[in-house]
Amino acid sequence: MNSLKGPASYFPSIEAKYGRPIEEWKDLIRGQNGMKHMELVKWLKEDHGMGHGHANALVADTLRDGR
């Protein structure tokens, strides 16, 4: 059973589906200076083909960590 909670519960499937480690995705998100949450979600969806739930979880967790 997956013990991860919240946005992190998506991380194993994000890594498996999109082929990059989570820290690499977070680094890409942090590199998008000045973009707000939903702008980052849209960017991940449009430029990287990520689904909305996965993109939203990654952005939420990255922003919660602080840039």
PDB file of N, CA and C in Angstrom:
ATOM      1  N   MET A   1       0.839  -1.191   0.000  1.00  0.00           N
ATOM      2  CA  MET A   1       0.000   0.000   0.000  1.00  0.00           C
ATOM      3  C   MET A   1       0.880   1.249   0.000  1.00  0.00           C
ATOM      4  N   ASN A   2       0.467   2.249  -0.728  1.00  0.00           N
ATOM      5  CA  ASN A   2       1.218   3.499  -0.833  1.00  0.00           C
ATOM      6  C   ASN A   2       0.992   4.344   0.417  1.00  0.00           C
ATOM      7  N   SER A   3       2.073   4.655   1.140  1.00  0.00           N
ATOM      8  CA  SER A   3       1.948   5.424   2.381  1.00  0.00           C
ATOM      9  C   SER A   3       2.087   6.920   2.146  1.00  0.00           C
ATOM     10  N   LEU A   4       2.384   7.331   0.911  1.00  0.00           N
ATOM     11  CA  LEU A   4       2.506   8.752   0.612  1.00  0.00           C
ATOM     12  C   LEU A   4       1.132   9.407   0.654  1.00  0.00           C
ATOM     13  N   LYS A   5       1.098  10.641   1.115  1.00  0.00           N
ATOM     14  CA  LYS A   5      -0.160  11.365   1.225  1.00  0.00           C
ATOM     15  C   LYS A   5      -0.086  12.661   0.418  1.00  0.00           C
ATOM     16  N   GLY A   6      -1.244  13.219   0.105  1.00  0.00           N
ATOM     17  CA  GLY A   6      -1.316  14.495  -0.598  1.00  0.00           C
ATOM     18  C   GLY A   6      -0.682  14.406  -1.978  1.00  0.00           C
ATOM     19  N   PRO A   7      -0.123  15.526  -2.452  1.00  0.00           N
ATOM     20  CA  PRO A   7       0.463  15.544  -3.793  1.00  0.00           C
ATOM     21  C   PRO A   7       1.525  14.476  -4.014  1.00  0.00           C
ATOM     22  N   ALA A   8       2.286  14.152  -2.979  1.00  0.00           N
ATOM     23  CA  ALA A   8       3.365  13.177  -3.123  1.00  0.00           C
ATOM     24  C   ALA A   8       2.842  11.788  -3.484  1.00  0.00           C
ATOM     25  N   SER A   9       1.567  11.519  -3.221  1.00  0.00           N
ATOM     26  CA  SER A   9       1.011  10.211  -3.571  1.00  0.00           C
ATOM     27  C   SER A   9       1.014   9.988  -5.088  1.00  0.00           C
ATOM     28  N   TYR A  10       1.105  11.057  -5.857  1.00  0.00           N
ATOM     29  CA  TYR A  10       1.169  10.961  -7.316  1.00  0.00           C
ATOM     30  C   TYR A  10       2.586  10.688  -7.827  1.00  0.00           C
ATOM     31  N   PHE A  11       3.598  10.901  -7.018  1.00  0.00           N
ATOM     32  CA  PHE A  11       4.978  10.891  -7.506  1.00  0.00           C
ATOM     33  C   PHE A  11       5.416   9.585  -8.169  1.00  0.00           C
ATOM     34  N   PRO A  12       5.119   8.418  -7.595  1.00  0.00           N
ATOM     35  CA  PRO A  12       5.553   7.189  -8.273  1.00  0.00           C
ATOM     36  C   PRO A  12       4.979   7.059  -9.694  1.00  0.00           C
ATOM     37  N   SER A  13       3.699   7.403  -9.863  1.00  0.00           N
ATOM     38  CA  SER A  13       3.104   7.285 -11.195  1.00  0.00           C
ATOM     39  C   SER A  13       3.610   8.375 -12.131  1.00  0.00           C
ATOM     40  N   ILE A  14       3.941   9.550 -11.615  1.00  0.00           N
ATOM     41  CA  ILE A  14       4.511  10.620 -12.450  1.00  0.00           C
ATOM     42  C   ILE A  14       5.866  10.168 -12.986  1.00  0.00           C
ATOM     43  N   GLU A  15       6.699   9.635 -12.112  1.00  0.00           N
ATOM     44  CA  GLU A  15       8.019   9.167 -12.544  1.00  0.00           C
ATOM     45  C   GLU A  15       7.895   8.055 -13.581  1.00  0.00           C
ATOM     46  N   ALA A  16       6.984   7.117 -13.343  1.00  0.00           N
ATOM     47  CA  ALA A  16       6.810   5.993 -14.263  1.00  0.00           C
ATOM     48  C   ALA A  16       6.263   6.444 -15.612  1.00  0.00           C
ATOM     49  N   LYS A  17       5.297   7.358 -15.586  1.00  0.00           N
ATOM     50  CA  LYS A  17       4.636   7.758 -16.831  1.00  0.00           C
ATOM     51  C   LYS A  17       5.468   8.718 -17.667  1.00  0.00           C
ATOM     52  N   TYR A  18       6.171   9.651 -17.019  1.00  0.00           N
ATOM     53  CA  TYR A  18       6.857  10.715 -17.757  1.00  0.00           C
ATOM     54  C   TYR A  18       8.376  10.556 -17.793  1.00  0.00           C
ATOM     55  N   GLY A  19       8.909   9.539 -17.109  1.00  0.00           N
ATOM     56  CA  GLY A  19      10.301   9.157 -17.260  1.00  0.00           C
ATOM     57  C   GLY A  19      11.358  10.076 -16.677  1.00  0.00           C
ATOM     58  N   ARG A  20      10.971  10.921 -15.757  1.00  0.00           N
ATOM     59  CA  ARG A  20      11.951  11.790 -15.088  1.00  0.00           C
ATOM     60  C   ARG A  20      11.744  11.691 -13.583  1.00  0.00           C
ATOM     61  N   PRO A  21      12.832  11.795 -12.816  1.00  0.00           N
ATOM     62  CA  PRO A  21      12.665  11.815 -11.351  1.00  0.00           C
ATOM     63  C   PRO A  21      11.960  13.095 -10.901  1.00  0.00           C
ATOM     64  N   ILE A  22      11.293  13.015  -9.775  1.00  0.00           N
ATOM     65  CA  ILE A  22      10.521  14.156  -9.257  1.00  0.00           C
ATOM     66  C   ILE A  22      11.401  15.384  -9.069  1.00  0.00           C
ATOM     67  N   GLU A  23      12.609  15.210  -8.561  1.00  0.00           N
ATOM     68  CA  GLU A  23      13.470  16.382  -8.343  1.00  0.00           C
ATOM     69  C   GLU A  23      13.795  17.097  -9.658  1.00  0.00           C
ATOM     70  N   GLU A  24      13.898  16.341 -10.737  1.00  0.00           N
ATOM     71  CA  GLU A  24      14.137  16.966 -12.040  1.00  0.00           C
ATOM     72  C   GLU A  24      12.926  17.803 -12.460  1.00  0.00           C
ATOM     73  N   TRP A  25      11.724  17.258 -12.254  1.00  0.00           N
ATOM     74  CA  TRP A  25      10.514  18.036 -12.551  1.00  0.00           C
ATOM     75  C   TRP A  25      10.458  19.299 -11.688  1.00  0.00           C
ATOM     76  N   LYS A  26      10.792  19.149 -10.404  1.00  0.00           N
ATOM     77  CA  LYS A  26      10.761  20.311  -9.509  1.00  0.00           C
ATOM     78  C   LYS A  26      11.775  21.370  -9.932  1.00  0.00           C
ATOM     79  N   ASP A  27      12.941  20.948 -10.373  1.00  0.00           N
ATOM     80  CA  ASP A  27      13.937  21.902 -10.867  1.00  0.00           C
ATOM     81  C   ASP A  27      13.416  22.648 -12.088  1.00  0.00           C
ATOM     82  N   LEU A  28      12.739  21.926 -12.988  1.00  0.00           N
ATOM     83  CA  LEU A  28      12.151  22.579 -14.166  1.00  0.00           C
ATOM     84  C   LEU A  28      11.091  23.607 -13.753  1.00  0.00           C
ATOM     85  N   ILE A  29      10.260  23.236 -12.793  1.00  0.00           N
ATOM     86  CA  ILE A  29       9.222  24.145 -12.307  1.00  0.00           C
ATOM     87  C   ILE A  29       9.861  25.376 -11.667  1.00  0.00           C
ATOM     88  N   ARG A  30      10.870  25.167 -10.836  1.00  0.00           N
ATOM     89  CA  ARG A  30      11.547  26.296 -10.173  1.00  0.00           C
ATOM     90  C   ARG A  30      12.206  27.229 -11.186  1.00  0.00           C
ATOM     91  N   GLY A  31      12.570  26.703 -12.344  1.00  0.00           N
ATOM     92  CA  GLY A  31      13.205  27.511 -13.380  1.00  0.00           C
ATOM     93  C   GLY A  31      12.251  28.420 -14.134  1.00  0.00           C
ATOM     94  N   GLN A  32      10.961  28.255 -13.917  1.00  0.00           N
ATOM     95  CA  GLN A  32       9.963  29.091 -14.589  1.00  0.00           C
ATOM     96  C   GLN A  32       9.651  30.306 -13.714  1.00  0.00           C
ATOM     97  N   ASN A  33      10.563  31.223 -13.674  1.00  0.00           N
ATOM     98  CA  ASN A  33      10.447  32.377 -12.783  1.00  0.00           C
ATOM     99  C   ASN A  33       9.219  33.226 -13.080  1.00  0.00           C
ATOM    100  N   GLY A  34       8.534  33.608 -12.008  1.00  0.00           N
ATOM    101  CA  GLY A  34       7.421  34.536 -12.111  1.00  0.00           C
ATOM    102  C   GLY A  34       6.087  33.912 -12.491  1.00  0.00           C
ATOM    103  N   MET A  35       6.072  32.615 -12.758  1.00  0.00           N
ATOM    104  CA  MET A  35       4.811  31.970 -13.123  1.00  0.00           C
ATOM    105  C   MET A  35       4.040  31.572 -11.867  1.00  0.00           C
ATOM    106  N   LYS A  36       2.725  31.757 -11.929  1.00  0.00           N
ATOM    107  CA  LYS A  36       1.860  31.389 -10.814  1.00  0.00           C
ATOM    108  C   LYS A  36       1.439  29.928 -10.949  1.00  0.00           C
ATOM    109  N   HIS A  37       0.797  29.424  -9.906  1.00  0.00           N
ATOM    110  CA  HIS A  37       0.424  28.013  -9.828  1.00  0.00           C
ATOM    111  C   HIS A  37      -0.242  27.511 -11.116  1.00  0.00           C
ATOM    112  N   MET A  38      -1.343  28.113 -11.503  1.00  0.00           N
ATOM    113  CA  MET A  38      -2.077  27.596 -12.658  1.00  0.00           C
ATOM    114  C   MET A  38      -1.332  27.823 -13.969  1.00  0.00           C
ATOM    115  N   GLU A  39      -0.490  28.832 -14.027  1.00  0.00           N
ATOM    116  CA  GLU A  39       0.358  29.026 -15.211  1.00  0.00           C
ATOM    117  C   GLU A  39       1.359  27.878 -15.326  1.00  0.00           C
ATOM    118  N   LEU A  40       1.899  27.458 -14.192  1.00  0.00           N
ATOM    119  CA  LEU A  40       2.831  26.336 -14.178  1.00  0.00           C
ATOM    120  C   LEU A  40       2.140  25.028 -14.565  1.00  0.00           C
ATOM    121  N   VAL A  41       0.920  24.839 -14.082  1.00  0.00           N
ATOM    122  CA  VAL A  41       0.154  23.645 -14.441  1.00  0.00           C
ATOM    123  C   VAL A  41      -0.080  23.623 -15.956  1.00  0.00           C
ATOM    124  N   LYS A  42      -0.499  24.754 -16.496  1.00  0.00           N
ATOM    125  CA  LYS A  42      -0.745  24.859 -17.937  1.00  0.00           C
ATOM    126  C   LYS A  42       0.536  24.576 -18.727  1.00  0.00           C
ATOM    127  N   TRP A  43       1.652  25.109 -18.270  1.00  0.00           N
ATOM    128  CA  TRP A  43       2.945  24.898 -18.928  1.00  0.00           C
ATOM    129  C   TRP A  43       3.314  23.408 -18.950  1.00  0.00           C
ATOM    130  N   LEU A  44       3.150  22.724 -17.825  1.00  0.00           N
ATOM    131  CA  LEU A  44       3.462  21.292 -17.771  1.00  0.00           C
ATOM    132  C   LEU A  44       2.551  20.499 -18.712  1.00  0.00           C
ATOM    133  N   LYS A  45       1.285  20.885 -18.759  1.00  0.00           N
ATOM    134  CA  LYS A  45       0.341  20.188 -19.626  1.00  0.00           C
ATOM    135  C   LYS A  45       0.665  20.426 -21.100  1.00  0.00           C
ATOM    136  N   GLU A  46       0.892  21.673 -21.456  1.00  0.00           N
ATOM    137  CA  GLU A  46       1.090  22.020 -22.869  1.00  0.00           C
ATOM    138  C   GLU A  46       2.478  21.658 -23.388  1.00  0.00           C
ATOM    139  N   ASP A  47       3.498  21.927 -22.602  1.00  0.00           N
ATOM    140  CA  ASP A  47       4.868  21.715 -23.079  1.00  0.00           C
ATOM    141  C   ASP A  47       5.406  20.316 -22.804  1.00  0.00           C
ATOM    142  N   HIS A  48       4.832  19.633 -21.821  1.00  0.00           N
ATOM    143  CA  HIS A  48       5.363  18.328 -21.429  1.00  0.00           C
ATOM    144  C   HIS A  48       4.330  17.206 -21.502  1.00  0.00           C
ATOM    145  N   GLY A  49       3.115  17.517 -21.944  1.00  0.00           N
ATOM    146  CA  GLY A  49       2.096  16.498 -22.122  1.00  0.00           C
ATOM    147  C   GLY A  49       1.603  15.850 -20.846  1.00  0.00           C
ATOM    148  N   MET A  50       1.737  16.549 -19.743  1.00  0.00           N
ATOM    149  CA  MET A  50       1.353  15.990 -18.450  1.00  0.00           C
ATOM    150  C   MET A  50      -0.147  16.171 -18.229  1.00  0.00           C
ATOM    151  N   GLY A  51      -0.751  15.202 -17.573  1.00  0.00           N
ATOM    152  CA  GLY A  51      -2.160  15.318 -17.212  1.00  0.00           C
ATOM    153  C   GLY A  51      -2.362  16.361 -16.121  1.00  0.00           C
ATOM    154  N   HIS A  52      -3.583  16.856 -16.006  1.00  0.00           N
ATOM    155  CA  HIS A  52      -3.865  17.936 -15.059  1.00  0.00           C
ATOM    156  C   HIS A  52      -3.567  17.545 -13.608  1.00  0.00           C
ATOM    157  N   GLY A  53      -4.016  16.376 -13.196  1.00  0.00           N
ATOM    158  CA  GLY A  53      -3.801  15.963 -11.806  1.00  0.00           C
ATOM    159  C   GLY A  53      -2.333  15.836 -11.454  1.00  0.00           C
ATOM    160  N   HIS A  54      -1.569  15.247 -12.358  1.00  0.00           N
ATOM    161  CA  HIS A  54      -0.132  15.117 -12.120  1.00  0.00           C
ATOM    162  C   HIS A  54       0.545  16.473 -12.087  1.00  0.00           C
ATOM    163  N   ALA A  55       0.217  17.334 -13.042  1.00  0.00           N
ATOM    164  CA  ALA A  55       0.819  18.667 -13.090  1.00  0.00           C
ATOM    165  C   ALA A  55       0.470  19.466 -11.835  1.00  0.00           C
ATOM    166  N   ASN A  56      -0.777  19.421 -11.440  1.00  0.00           N
ATOM    167  CA  ASN A  56      -1.220  20.166 -10.263  1.00  0.00           C
ATOM    168  C   ASN A  56      -0.519  19.666  -9.004  1.00  0.00           C
ATOM    169  N   ALA A  57      -0.381  18.360  -8.861  1.00  0.00           N
ATOM    170  CA  ALA A  57       0.287  17.794  -7.684  1.00  0.00           C
ATOM    171  C   ALA A  57       1.749  18.222  -7.626  1.00  0.00           C
ATOM    172  N   LEU A  58       2.429  18.169  -8.750  1.00  0.00           N
ATOM    173  CA  LEU A  58       3.842  18.571  -8.789  1.00  0.00           C
ATOM    174  C   LEU A  58       4.018  20.041  -8.440  1.00  0.00           C
ATOM    175  N   VAL A  59       3.192  20.885  -9.039  1.00  0.00           N
ATOM    176  CA  VAL A  59       3.294  22.327  -8.780  1.00  0.00           C
ATOM    177  C   VAL A  59       2.982  22.620  -7.325  1.00  0.00           C
ATOM    178  N   ALA A  60       1.918  22.040  -6.803  1.00  0.00           N
ATOM    179  CA  ALA A  60       1.530  22.294  -5.405  1.00  0.00           C
ATOM    180  C   ALA A  60       2.652  21.903  -4.452  1.00  0.00           C
ATOM    181  N   ASP A  61       3.242  20.739  -4.657  1.00  0.00           N
ATOM    182  CA  ASP A  61       4.302  20.281  -3.768  1.00  0.00           C
ATOM    183  C   ASP A  61       5.552  21.137  -3.909  1.00  0.00           C
ATOM    184  N   THR A  62       5.883  21.514  -5.130  1.00  0.00           N
ATOM    185  CA  THR A  62       7.067  22.348  -5.357  1.00  0.00           C
ATOM    186  C   THR A  62       6.901  23.720  -4.723  1.00  0.00           C
ATOM    187  N   LEU A  63       5.744  24.339  -4.902  1.00  0.00           N
ATOM    188  CA  LEU A  63       5.517  25.663  -4.325  1.00  0.00           C
ATOM    189  C   LEU A  63       5.437  25.594  -2.804  1.00  0.00           C
ATOM    190  N   ARG A  64       4.920  24.514  -2.283  1.00  0.00           N
ATOM    191  CA  ARG A  64       4.851  24.352  -0.819  1.00  0.00           C
ATOM    192  C   ARG A  64       6.262  24.268  -0.236  1.00  0.00           C
ATOM    193  N   ASP A  65       7.180  23.633  -0.973  1.00  0.00           N
ATOM    194  CA  ASP A  65       8.572  23.535  -0.538  1.00  0.00           C
ATOM    195  C   ASP A  65       9.242  24.911  -0.508  1.00  0.00           C
ATOM    196  N   GLY A  66       8.694  25.841  -1.261  1.00  0.00           N
ATOM    197  CA  GLY A  66       9.322  27.157  -1.430  1.00  0.00           C
ATOM    198  C   GLY A  66      10.295  27.089  -2.569  1.00  0.00           C
ATOM    199  N   ARG A  67      10.380  28.157  -3.299  1.00  0.00           N
ATOM    200  CA  ARG A  67      11.267  28.177  -4.460  1.00  0.00           C
ATOM    201  C   ARG A  67      12.631  28.425  -3.972  1.00  0.00           C
TER     202      ARG A  67
END
